[in-house]
Structures are given as structure tokens and as C-alpha cells.
C-alpha atoms as a PDB file:
ATOM      1  CA  UNK A   1      89.296 102.538  88.479  1.00  0.00           C
ATOM      2  CA  UNK A   2      88.883  98.844  88.448  1.00  0.00           C
ATOM      3  CA  UNK A   3      91.460  96.519  90.041  1.00  0.00           C
ATOM      4  CA  UNK A   4      92.825  95.346  86.648  1.00  0.00           C
ATOM      5  CA  UNK A   5      93.215  99.036  85.723  1.00  0.00           C
ATOM      6  CA  UNK A   6      94.917  99.757  89.081  1.00  0.00           C
ATOM      7  CA  UNK A   7      97.447  96.953  88.528  1.00  0.00           C
ATOM      8  CA  UNK A   8      98.126  98.185  84.989  1.00  0.00           C
ATOM      9  CA  UNK A   9      98.667 101.656  86.386  1.00  0.00           C
ATOM     10  CA  UNK A  10     101.191 100.245  88.946  1.00  0.00           C
ATOM     11  CA  UNK A  11     103.083  98.475  86.175  1.00  0.00           C
ATOM     12  CA  UNK A  12     103.224 101.676  84.132  1.00  0.00           C
ATOM     13  CA  UNK A  13     104.488 103.626  87.125  1.00  0.00           C
ATOM     14  CA  UNK A  14     107.122 101.018  87.840  1.00  0.00           C
ATOM     15  CA  UNK A  15     108.298 100.765  84.323  1.00  0.00           C
ATOM     16  CA  UNK A  16     108.744 104.546  84.116  1.00  0.00           C
ATOM     17  CA  UNK A  17     110.121 105.166  87.580  1.00  0.00           C
ATOM     18  CA  UNK A  18     112.000 101.959  88.596  1.00  0.00           C
ATOM     19  CA  UNK A  19     113.003 100.121  85.483  1.00  0.00           C
ATOM     20  CA  UNK A  20     115.254  97.684  87.259  1.00  0.00           C
ATOM     21  CA  UNK A  21     112.564  96.253  89.463  1.00  0.00           C
ATOM     22  CA  UNK A  22     110.167  96.226  86.553  1.00  0.00           C
ATOM     23  CA  UNK A  23     112.614  94.178  84.543  1.00  0.00           C
ATOM     24  CA  UNK A  24     113.210  91.811  87.445  1.00  0.00           C
ATOM     25  CA  UNK A  25     109.489  91.193  87.769  1.00  0.00           C
ATOM     26  CA  UNK A  26     109.448  89.749  84.295  1.00  0.00           C
ATOM     27  CA  UNK A  27     111.230  86.669  85.801  1.00  0.00           C
ATOM     28  CA  UNK A  28     108.443  86.117  88.371  1.00  0.00           C
ATOM     29  CA  UNK A  29     105.389  83.867  87.658  1.00  0.00           C
ATOM     30  CA  UNK A  30     102.890  85.823  85.497  1.00  0.00           C
ATOM     31  CA  UNK A  31     100.140  85.579  88.072  1.00  0.00           C
ATOM     32  CA  UNK A  32     102.405  87.121  90.820  1.00  0.00           C
ATOM     33  CA  UNK A  33     103.605  90.045  88.759  1.00  0.00           C
ATOM     34  CA  UNK A  34     100.680  92.399  89.288  1.00  0.00           C
ATOM     35  CA  UNK A  35     101.093  92.036  93.026  1.00  0.00           C
ATOM     36  CA  UNK A  36     104.833  92.717  92.791  1.00  0.00           C
ATOM     37  CA  UNK A  37     104.094  95.760  90.646  1.00  0.00           C
ATOM     38  CA  UNK A  38     101.697  97.088  93.330  1.00  0.00           C
ATOM     39  CA  UNK A  39     104.260  96.552  96.145  1.00  0.00           C
ATOM     40  CA  UNK A  40     107.042  98.236  94.202  1.00  0.00           C
ATOM     41  CA  UNK A  41     104.859 101.099  92.931  1.00  0.00           C
ATOM     42  CA  UNK A  42     103.880 101.839  96.588  1.00  0.00           C
ATOM     43  CA  UNK A  43     107.570 101.871  97.506  1.00  0.00           C
ATOM     44  CA  UNK A  44     108.342 104.227  94.594  1.00  0.00           C
ATOM     45  CA  UNK A  45     105.605 106.640  95.708  1.00  0.00           C
ATOM     46  CA  UNK A  46     106.809 106.882  99.300  1.00  0.00           C
ATOM     47  CA  UNK A  47     110.526 107.018  98.418  1.00  0.00           C
ATOM     48  CA  UNK A  48     109.906 110.013  96.238  1.00  0.00           C
ATOM     49  CA  UNK A  49     108.166 112.023  98.959  1.00  0.00           C
ATOM     50  CA  UNK A  50     111.257 113.676 100.432  1.00  0.00           C
ATOM     51  CA  UNK A  51     112.260 115.036  97.007  1.00  0.00           C
ATOM     52  CA  UNK A  52     108.813 116.307  96.315  1.00  0.00           C
ATOM     53  CA  UNK A  53     108.139 118.434  99.404  1.00  0.00           C
ATOM     54  CA  UNK A  54     109.712 121.720 100.536  1.00  0.00           C
ATOM     55  CA  UNK A  55     109.180 121.131 104.271  1.00  0.00           C
ATOM     56  CA  UNK A  56     109.478 118.003 106.431  1.00  0.00           C
ATOM     57  CA  UNK A  57     105.967 118.590 107.785  1.00  0.00           C
ATOM     58  CA  UNK A  58     104.489 118.280 104.301  1.00  0.00           C
ATOM     59  CA  UNK A  59     106.372 114.966 103.871  1.00  0.00           C
ATOM     60  CA  UNK A  60     105.109 113.728 107.238  1.00  0.00           C
ATOM     61  CA  UNK A  61     101.516 114.496 106.145  1.00  0.00           C
ATOM     62  CA  UNK A  62     101.953 112.445 102.976  1.00  0.00           C
ATOM     63  CA  UNK A  63     103.452 109.534 104.861  1.00  0.00           C
ATOM     64  CA  UNK A  64     100.629 109.797 107.371  1.00  0.00           C
ATOM     65  CA  UNK A  65      98.129 109.293 104.508  1.00  0.00           C
ATOM     66  CA  UNK A  66      99.664 105.895 103.833  1.00  0.00           C
ATOM     67  CA  UNK A  67      99.916 105.098 107.504  1.00  0.00           C
ATOM     68  CA  UNK A  68      96.220 105.836 108.043  1.00  0.00           C
ATOM     69  CA  UNK A  69      95.246 103.813 105.001  1.00  0.00           C
ATOM     70  CA  UNK A  70      97.261 100.737 106.006  1.00  0.00           C
ATOM     71  CA  UNK A  71      95.916 101.169 109.556  1.00  0.00           C
ATOM     72  CA  UNK A  72      92.383 100.642 108.315  1.00  0.00           C
ATOM     73  CA  UNK A  73      91.436 104.245 107.740  1.00  0.00           C
ATOM     74  CA  UNK A  74      89.788 105.754 104.651  1.00  0.00           C
ATOM     75  CA  UNK A  75      91.402 107.627 101.794  1.00  0.00           C
ATOM     76  CA  UNK A  76      88.413 110.027 101.827  1.00  0.00           C
ATOM     77  CA  UNK A  77      87.885 111.660  98.433  1.00  0.00           C
ATOM     78  CA  UNK A  78      91.446 110.882  97.384  1.00  0.00           C
ATOM     79  CA  UNK A  79      91.488 108.247  94.599  1.00  0.00           C
ATOM     80  CA  UNK A  80      94.893 106.569  94.363  1.00  0.00           C
ATOM     81  CA  UNK A  81      95.202 103.528  92.096  1.00  0.00           C
ATOM     82  CA  UNK A  82      98.400 102.494  93.749  1.00  0.00           C
ATOM     83  CA  UNK A  83      96.753 102.422  97.096  1.00  0.00           C
ATOM     84  CA  UNK A  84      93.811 100.420  95.726  1.00  0.00           C
ATOM     85  CA  UNK A  85      96.187  97.869  94.142  1.00  0.00           C
ATOM     86  CA  UNK A  86      98.341  97.627  97.280  1.00  0.00           C
ATOM     87  CA  UNK A  87      95.297  96.950  99.514  1.00  0.00           C
ATOM     88  CA  UNK A  88      94.052  94.357  97.078  1.00  0.00           C
ATOM     89  CA  UNK A  89      97.462  92.679  97.034  1.00  0.00           C
ATOM     90  CA  UNK A  90      97.705  92.629 100.849  1.00  0.00           C
ATOM     91  CA  UNK A  91      94.378  90.827 100.936  1.00  0.00           C
ATOM     92  CA  UNK A  92      94.986  88.494  98.023  1.00  0.00           C
ATOM     93  CA  UNK A  93      98.418  87.445  99.251  1.00  0.00           C
ATOM     94  CA  UNK A  94      97.501  87.569 102.958  1.00  0.00           C
ATOM     95  CA  UNK A  95     100.397  89.854 103.788  1.00  0.00           C
ATOM     96  CA  UNK A  96     100.823  91.483 107.200  1.00  0.00           C
ATOM     97  CA  UNK A  97     100.664  95.259 107.187  1.00  0.00           C
ATOM     98  CA  UNK A  98     103.104  95.842 109.970  1.00  0.00           C
ATOM     99  CA  UNK A  99     106.211  95.666 107.793  1.00  0.00           C
ATOM    100  CA  UNK A 100     104.783  98.418 105.603  1.00  0.00           C
ATOM    101  CA  UNK A 101     103.811 100.499 108.606  1.00  0.00           C
ATOM    102  CA  UNK A 102     107.413 100.191 109.902  1.00  0.00           C
ATOM    103  CA  UNK A 103     108.684 101.083 106.413  1.00  0.00           C
ATOM    104  CA  UNK A 104     106.624 104.282 106.482  1.00  0.00           C
ATOM    105  CA  UNK A 105     108.000 105.172 109.919  1.00  0.00           C
ATOM    106  CA  UNK A 106     111.583 104.559 108.759  1.00  0.00           C
ATOM    107  CA  UNK A 107     110.975 106.803 105.755  1.00  0.00           C
ATOM    108  CA  UNK A 108     110.532 109.751 108.095  1.00  0.00           C
ATOM    109  CA  UNK A 109     114.308 109.785 108.225  1.00  0.00           C
ATOM    110  CA  UNK A 110     114.419 110.783 104.562  1.00  0.00           C
ATOM    111  CA  UNK A 111     112.713 114.163 105.253  1.00  0.00           C
ATOM    112  CA  UNK A 112     115.658 115.424 107.339  1.00  0.00           C
ATOM    113  CA  UNK A 113     119.301 116.144 106.480  1.00  0.00           C
ATOM    114  CA  UNK A 114     120.981 114.337 109.353  1.00  0.00           C
ATOM    115  CA  UNK A 115     123.132 111.318 108.588  1.00  0.00           C
ATOM    116  CA  UNK A 116     122.647 108.009 110.342  1.00  0.00           C
ATOM    117  CA  UNK A 117     124.719 107.972 113.567  1.00  0.00           C
ATOM    118  CA  UNK A 118     126.522 104.756 112.666  1.00  0.00           C
ATOM    119  CA  UNK A 119     126.534 101.845 110.293  1.00  0.00           C
ATOM    120  CA  UNK A 120     124.313  99.671 112.534  1.00  0.00           C
ATOM    121  CA  UNK A 121     121.591 102.380 112.387  1.00  0.00           C
ATOM    122  CA  UNK A 122     121.979 102.587 108.599  1.00  0.00           C
ATOM    123  CA  UNK A 123     121.663  98.837 108.314  1.00  0.00           C
ATOM    124  CA  UNK A 124     118.472  98.943 110.528  1.00  0.00           C
ATOM    125  CA  UNK A 125     117.020 101.580 108.144  1.00  0.00           C
ATOM    126  CA  UNK A 126     117.755  99.312 105.189  1.00  0.00           C
ATOM    127  CA  UNK A 127     116.169  96.373 106.990  1.00  0.00           C
ATOM    128  CA  UNK A 128     112.973  98.278 107.576  1.00  0.00           C
ATOM    129  CA  UNK A 129     112.747  99.606 104.076  1.00  0.00           C
ATOM    130  CA  UNK A 130     114.364  97.523 101.287  1.00  0.00           C
ATOM    131  CA  UNK A 131     114.685  94.431 103.449  1.00  0.00           C
ATOM    132  CA  UNK A 132     110.949  94.517 104.116  1.00  0.00           C
ATOM    133  CA  UNK A 133     110.248  94.762 100.355  1.00  0.00           C
ATOM    134  CA  UNK A 134     112.288  91.605  99.686  1.00  0.00           C
ATOM    135  CA  UNK A 135     110.576  89.831 102.525  1.00  0.00           C
ATOM    136  CA  UNK A 136     107.125  90.716 101.264  1.00  0.00           C
ATOM    137  CA  UNK A 137     108.010  89.967  97.668  1.00  0.00           C
ATOM    138  CA  UNK A 138     109.153  86.552  98.767  1.00  0.00           C
ATOM    139  CA  UNK A 139     105.838  86.010 100.400  1.00  0.00           C
ATOM    140  CA  UNK A 140     104.051  87.120  97.230  1.00  0.00           C
ATOM    141  CA  UNK A 141     105.814  84.594  95.049  1.00  0.00           C
ATOM    142  CA  UNK A 142     105.827  81.852  97.747  1.00  0.00           C
ATOM    143  CA  UNK A 143     103.354  82.023 100.676  1.00  0.00           C
ATOM    144  CA  UNK A 144     105.695  79.774 102.730  1.00  0.00           C
ATOM    145  CA  UNK A 145     108.685  82.000 102.146  1.00  0.00           C
ATOM    146  CA  UNK A 146     111.520  81.752 104.642  1.00  0.00           C
ATOM    147  CA  UNK A 147     112.856  85.283 104.204  1.00  0.00           C
ATOM    148  CA  UNK A 148     116.389  84.052 105.011  1.00  0.00           C
ATOM    149  CA  UNK A 149     117.933  86.384 102.477  1.00  0.00           C
ATOM    150  CA  UNK A 150     115.823  89.446 103.029  1.00  0.00           C
ATOM    151  CA  UNK A 151     117.952  91.372 105.462  1.00  0.00           C
ATOM    152  CA  UNK A 152     121.370  91.160 103.578  1.00  0.00           C
ATOM    153  CA  UNK A 153     119.551  91.558 100.238  1.00  0.00           C
ATOM    154  CA  UNK A 154     117.861  94.786 101.475  1.00  0.00           C
ATOM    155  CA  UNK A 155     121.126  96.183 102.765  1.00  0.00           C
ATOM    156  CA  UNK A 156     123.040  95.495  99.606  1.00  0.00           C
ATOM    157  CA  UNK A 157     120.276  96.757  97.215  1.00  0.00           C
ATOM    158  CA  UNK A 158     119.440  99.873  99.244  1.00  0.00           C
ATOM    159  CA  UNK A 159     123.052 100.871  99.784  1.00  0.00           C
ATOM    160  CA  UNK A 160     123.854 100.484  96.195  1.00  0.00           C
ATOM    161  CA  UNK A 161     120.845 102.587  95.199  1.00  0.00           C
ATOM    162  CA  UNK A 162     121.805 105.340  97.632  1.00  0.00           C
ATOM    163  CA  UNK A 163     125.360 105.386  96.482  1.00  0.00           C
ATOM    164  CA  UNK A 164     124.161 105.828  92.909  1.00  0.00           C
ATOM    165  CA  UNK A 165     121.955 108.715  94.167  1.00  0.00           C
ATOM    166  CA  UNK A 166     124.832 110.437  95.962  1.00  0.00           C
ATOM    167  CA  UNK A 167     125.198 113.312  93.410  1.00  0.00           C
ATOM    168  CA  UNK A 168     121.545 114.300  93.895  1.00  0.00           C
ATOM    169  CA  UNK A 169     121.613 113.802  97.681  1.00  0.00           C
ATOM    170  CA  UNK A 170     124.741 115.963  97.956  1.00  0.00           C
ATOM    171  CA  UNK A 171     123.014 118.677  95.888  1.00  0.00           C
ATOM    172  CA  UNK A 172     120.196 118.680  98.528  1.00  0.00           C
ATOM    173  CA  UNK A 173     122.814 118.856 101.329  1.00  0.00           C
ATOM    174  CA  UNK A 174     122.123 115.311 102.451  1.00  0.00           C
ATOM    175  CA  UNK A 175     124.807 112.760 103.341  1.00  0.00           C
ATOM    176  CA  UNK A 176     124.337 109.061 103.137  1.00  0.00           C
ATOM    177  CA  UNK A 177     127.638 108.467 104.926  1.00  0.00           C
ATOM    178  CA  UNK A 178     126.975 107.270 108.536  1.00  0.00           C
ATOM    179  CA  UNK A 179     128.589 109.595 111.059  1.00  0.00           C
ATOM    180  CA  UNK A 180     130.997 106.881 112.403  1.00  0.00           C
ATOM    181  CA  UNK A 181     132.182 106.103 108.874  1.00  0.00           C
ATOM    182  CA  UNK A 182     132.642 109.769 108.127  1.00  0.00           C
ATOM    183  CA  UNK A 183     134.609 110.349 111.350  1.00  0.00           C
ATOM    184  CA  UNK A 184     136.847 107.382 110.717  1.00  0.00           C
ATOM    185  CA  UNK A 185     137.872 108.691 107.293  1.00  0.00           C
ATOM    186  CA  UNK A 186     137.866 112.351 108.165  1.00  0.00           C
ATOM    187  CA  UNK A 187     134.978 113.358 105.919  1.00  0.00           C
ATOM    188  CA  UNK A 188     133.974 117.002 106.751  1.00  0.00           C
ATOM    189  CA  UNK A 189     132.177 118.007 103.624  1.00  0.00           C
ATOM    190  CA  UNK A 190     130.492 116.334 100.681  1.00  0.00           C
ATOM    191  CA  UNK A 191     133.194 117.199  98.129  1.00  0.00           C
ATOM    192  CA  UNK A 192     135.363 115.129  95.842  1.00  0.00           C
ATOM    193  CA  UNK A 193     138.279 114.516  98.157  1.00  0.00           C
ATOM    194  CA  UNK A 194     140.294 111.521  99.246  1.00  0.00           C
ATOM    195  CA  UNK A 195     138.373 111.303 102.587  1.00  0.00           C
ATOM    196  CA  UNK A 196     135.028 111.014 100.907  1.00  0.00           C
ATOM    197  CA  UNK A 197     136.336 108.550  98.318  1.00  0.00           C
ATOM    198  CA  UNK A 198     137.678 106.365 101.102  1.00  0.00           C
ATOM    199  CA  UNK A 199     134.412 106.439 102.997  1.00  0.00           C
ATOM    200  CA  UNK A 200     132.439 105.496  99.870  1.00  0.00           C
ATOM    201  CA  UNK A 201     134.870 102.655  99.121  1.00  0.00           C
ATOM    202  CA  UNK A 202     134.144 101.315 102.660  1.00  0.00           C
ATOM    203  CA  UNK A 203     130.394 101.498 102.010  1.00  0.00           C
ATOM    204  CA  UNK A 204     130.777  99.736  98.667  1.00  0.00           C
ATOM    205  CA  UNK A 205     132.713  96.965 100.519  1.00  0.00           C
ATOM    206  CA  UNK A 206     129.849  96.735 103.013  1.00  0.00           C
ATOM    207  CA  UNK A 207     127.349  96.330 100.120  1.00  0.00           C
ATOM    208  CA  UNK A 208     129.482  93.606  98.658  1.00  0.00           C
ATOM    209  CA  UNK A 209     129.660  91.805 102.041  1.00  0.00           C
ATOM    210  CA  UNK A 210     125.935  91.784 102.162  1.00  0.00           C
ATOM    211  CA  UNK A 211     125.744  90.505  98.562  1.00  0.00           C
ATOM    212  CA  UNK A 212     127.931  87.640  99.624  1.00  0.00           C
ATOM    213  CA  UNK A 213     125.654  86.912 102.602  1.00  0.00           C
ATOM    214  CA  UNK A 214     122.685  87.049 100.346  1.00  0.00           C
ATOM    215  CA  UNK A 215     124.160  84.440  97.955  1.00  0.00           C
ATOM    216  CA  UNK A 216     124.877  82.180 100.908  1.00  0.00           C
ATOM    217  CA  UNK A 217     121.339  82.606 102.248  1.00  0.00           C
ATOM    218  CA  UNK A 218     119.781  81.917  98.789  1.00  0.00           C
ATOM    219  CA  UNK A 219     121.497  78.569  98.694  1.00  0.00           C
ATOM    220  CA  UNK A 220     119.211  77.611 101.571  1.00  0.00           C
ATOM    221  CA  UNK A 221     116.217  79.299 100.053  1.00  0.00           C
ATOM    222  CA  UNK A 222     113.473  77.301  98.276  1.00  0.00           C
ATOM    223  CA  UNK A 223     113.536  77.729  94.502  1.00  0.00           C
ATOM    224  CA  UNK A 224     109.960  79.041  94.501  1.00  0.00           C
ATOM    225  CA  UNK A 225     110.912  81.973  96.645  1.00  0.00           C
ATOM    226  CA  UNK A 226     114.009  83.019  94.714  1.00  0.00           C
ATOM    227  CA  UNK A 227     112.395  85.113  92.011  1.00  0.00           C
ATOM    228  CA  UNK A 228     111.786  87.771  94.620  1.00  0.00           C
ATOM    229  CA  UNK A 229     115.603  88.245  94.755  1.00  0.00           C
ATOM    230  CA  UNK A 230     116.191  88.586  91.010  1.00  0.00           C
ATOM    231  CA  UNK A 231     116.950  92.377  91.414  1.00  0.00           C
ATOM    232  CA  UNK A 232     120.222  91.377  93.224  1.00  0.00           C
ATOM    233  CA  UNK A 233     121.691  90.621  89.894  1.00  0.00           C
ATOM    234  CA  UNK A 234     122.219  94.313  89.290  1.00  0.00           C
ATOM    235  CA  UNK A 235     124.160  95.864  92.262  1.00  0.00           C
ATOM    236  CA  UNK A 236     127.334  94.113  91.116  1.00  0.00           C
ATOM    237  CA  UNK A 237     127.171  96.040  87.778  1.00  0.00           C
ATOM    238  CA  UNK A 238     126.580  99.370  89.581  1.00  0.00           C
ATOM    239  CA  UNK A 239     129.291  98.863  92.211  1.00  0.00           C
ATOM    240  CA  UNK A 240     131.865  97.986  89.549  1.00  0.00           C
ATOM    241  CA  UNK A 241     130.882 101.224  87.695  1.00  0.00           C
ATOM    242  CA  UNK A 242     131.376 103.292  90.849  1.00  0.00           C
ATOM    243  CA  UNK A 243     134.805 101.660  91.421  1.00  0.00           C
ATOM    244  CA  UNK A 244     135.913 103.196  88.092  1.00  0.00           C
ATOM    245  CA  UNK A 245     134.309 106.603  88.594  1.00  0.00           C
ATOM    246  CA  UNK A 246     136.548 109.568  89.152  1.00  0.00           C
ATOM    247  CA  UNK A 247     134.260 111.971  90.797  1.00  0.00           C
ATOM    248  CA  UNK A 248     131.722 110.357  93.061  1.00  0.00           C
ATOM    249  CA  UNK A 249     129.579 113.545  92.981  1.00  0.00           C
ATOM    250  CA  UNK A 250     129.176 113.417  89.246  1.00  0.00           C
ATOM    251  CA  UNK A 251     126.145 111.474  87.994  1.00  0.00           C
ATOM    252  CA  UNK A 252     127.117 108.138  86.444  1.00  0.00           C
ATOM    253  CA  UNK A 253     125.923 107.210  82.922  1.00  0.00           C
ATOM    254  CA  UNK A 254     123.025 104.807  82.780  1.00  0.00           C
ATOM    255  CA  UNK A 255     124.119 101.234  82.152  1.00  0.00           C
ATOM    256  CA  UNK A 256     122.422 100.073  78.905  1.00  0.00           C
ATOM    257  CA  UNK A 257     119.175  98.254  79.440  1.00  0.00           C
ATOM    258  CA  UNK A 258     120.494  95.266  77.423  1.00  0.00           C
ATOM    259  CA  UNK A 259     123.356  94.766  79.899  1.00  0.00           C
ATOM    260  CA  UNK A 260     120.981  94.878  82.853  1.00  0.00           C
ATOM    261  CA  UNK A 261     118.589  92.456  81.134  1.00  0.00           C
ATOM    262  CA  UNK A 262     121.443  90.071  80.370  1.00  0.00           C
ATOM    263  CA  UNK A 263     122.621  90.219  84.039  1.00  0.00           C
ATOM    264  CA  UNK A 264     119.081  89.478  85.173  1.00  0.00           C
ATOM    265  CA  UNK A 265     118.739  86.551  82.685  1.00  0.00           C
ATOM    266  CA  UNK A 266     122.056  84.976  83.820  1.00  0.00           C
ATOM    267  CA  UNK A 267     121.476  85.490  87.559  1.00  0.00           C
ATOM    268  CA  UNK A 268     121.605  82.309  89.560  1.00  0.00           C
ATOM    269  CA  UNK A 269     118.457  83.118  91.543  1.00  0.00           C
END
């Protein structure tokens, strides 16, 4: 598959599997979009691994494929258009591979059912995963990117996404509530109870704090870098929706695409 075809494949994968980031990419310069599509399609592939395997070892093997590839190894007989596009993007945009290698190592956590021990550990996970994506996206749209907003943006966006995924995580007997937050609010089981709702309210407040920090950092961020942070227009919608939800373990209805597009259009990024 040629590089143009690989990039087209990444856009199709992203449009199908991560519509929000695909929509946000529309506000980036046209020549940067294929590289953003490649970065986000890679993230989509590795974020899905935990749900696709029946044993942690199988997930570790899939993550190792990407680790070997980014470490300079060969994909062997495996042809992966997302991998081809990602490697081309890393070269074209002169991106360091270490953040992606750290992302892959952090994703090992997804394969197991243990919660993060505390909120600091949870934030660190978000820094290495979603925060790294914002930092690299910033470097794609602006080679001299500062990355000032990457850490709080990653925490806010990742936490909001995980809160939205809570019904499915709970069905797989996984808890996104850090152990210290769970202990503080008396959460003993993933069930619709006052303790769980209070813990989730605290996590939504933490997401909003990071959104506020992101806005402050973006005021000191060059305009050319800001399109990388366009997805941050959406967590506010999702957090408000969660505030109104009765049962946090019941899947939320999808917010209409026109509302998401309107929020992205109006975003002061």
C-alpha cells in the first residue's frame, strides 16, 4: 500500500472509530491532517488492544509489536498501513519516538483489572498516554511547539473519555476510580450507589480543574500550535451530560454530531 493510501486508511479508521478527533482534525492545516490521522489511528489501535484480547499476555504481545517497530525493528510479513503511515509521519515531522514508546509501556496497565493506587498515578498515566498525543500533535502542526498545555489537556481529555466508558469498563470488572478516591468516598463495588456517584463527581471536578489549567496554558501558547488542542472543546459537553445522568453505569446517549461540530467551531483554540 502506498503512503497516500496508508494515510487515507488512517483517516477512514479514525472517522469510524474516533469521530471526535477526526472532526477536530478538520480545523488543522490541510497539509498536517494526514499526519494527525496517522498519530490518532495508531492511538486508536493500541487503545483497543485490551478489549480485543482474552489474556493479558496476548495484549502484551500486540503492544510488543509496536514497541519493536518503533524501536527500529521490522514488522516481518505483517503489513499494517497504520504502522507505515505512523513511521512516515515520525520521519516527515521529525518527531521523537520515545513518547510513543512510553505510551506503549503505560498501556500495559490497561490489560489488568487493578485500579491506579492514587490520583497522582492516574494523572501520570494520562500524561504518558493522552498528554503525549497532545504534545506530538502540537509538534506536527507547529515544529516549534511549546507543549505548555499538553499535560493538563491530556488529563482532562483522557479522564473524560474514561468516565464515558465507565459502563463498559464496569462490565469487564475494571474500575477507573483510583484507590485513594475510592477509599475516601467508601466505594466498595462498581454499583450505582451514593459512594460511587460521589467518587465520580470528584473525578469530574478534577477533569474540570485540568480544563481550566489548559485554558490558562493556551493563552501562552502560539496560535500556530493551538489547532492540536481543538478536541478540548468537547469534554465540557460530556461532563455536563454526566452531571445530569441518573445511573453512571448506564451508557449515555451519543451527543448529536451537529452539537459537537458547533462546539469545535466555536472553540477559542
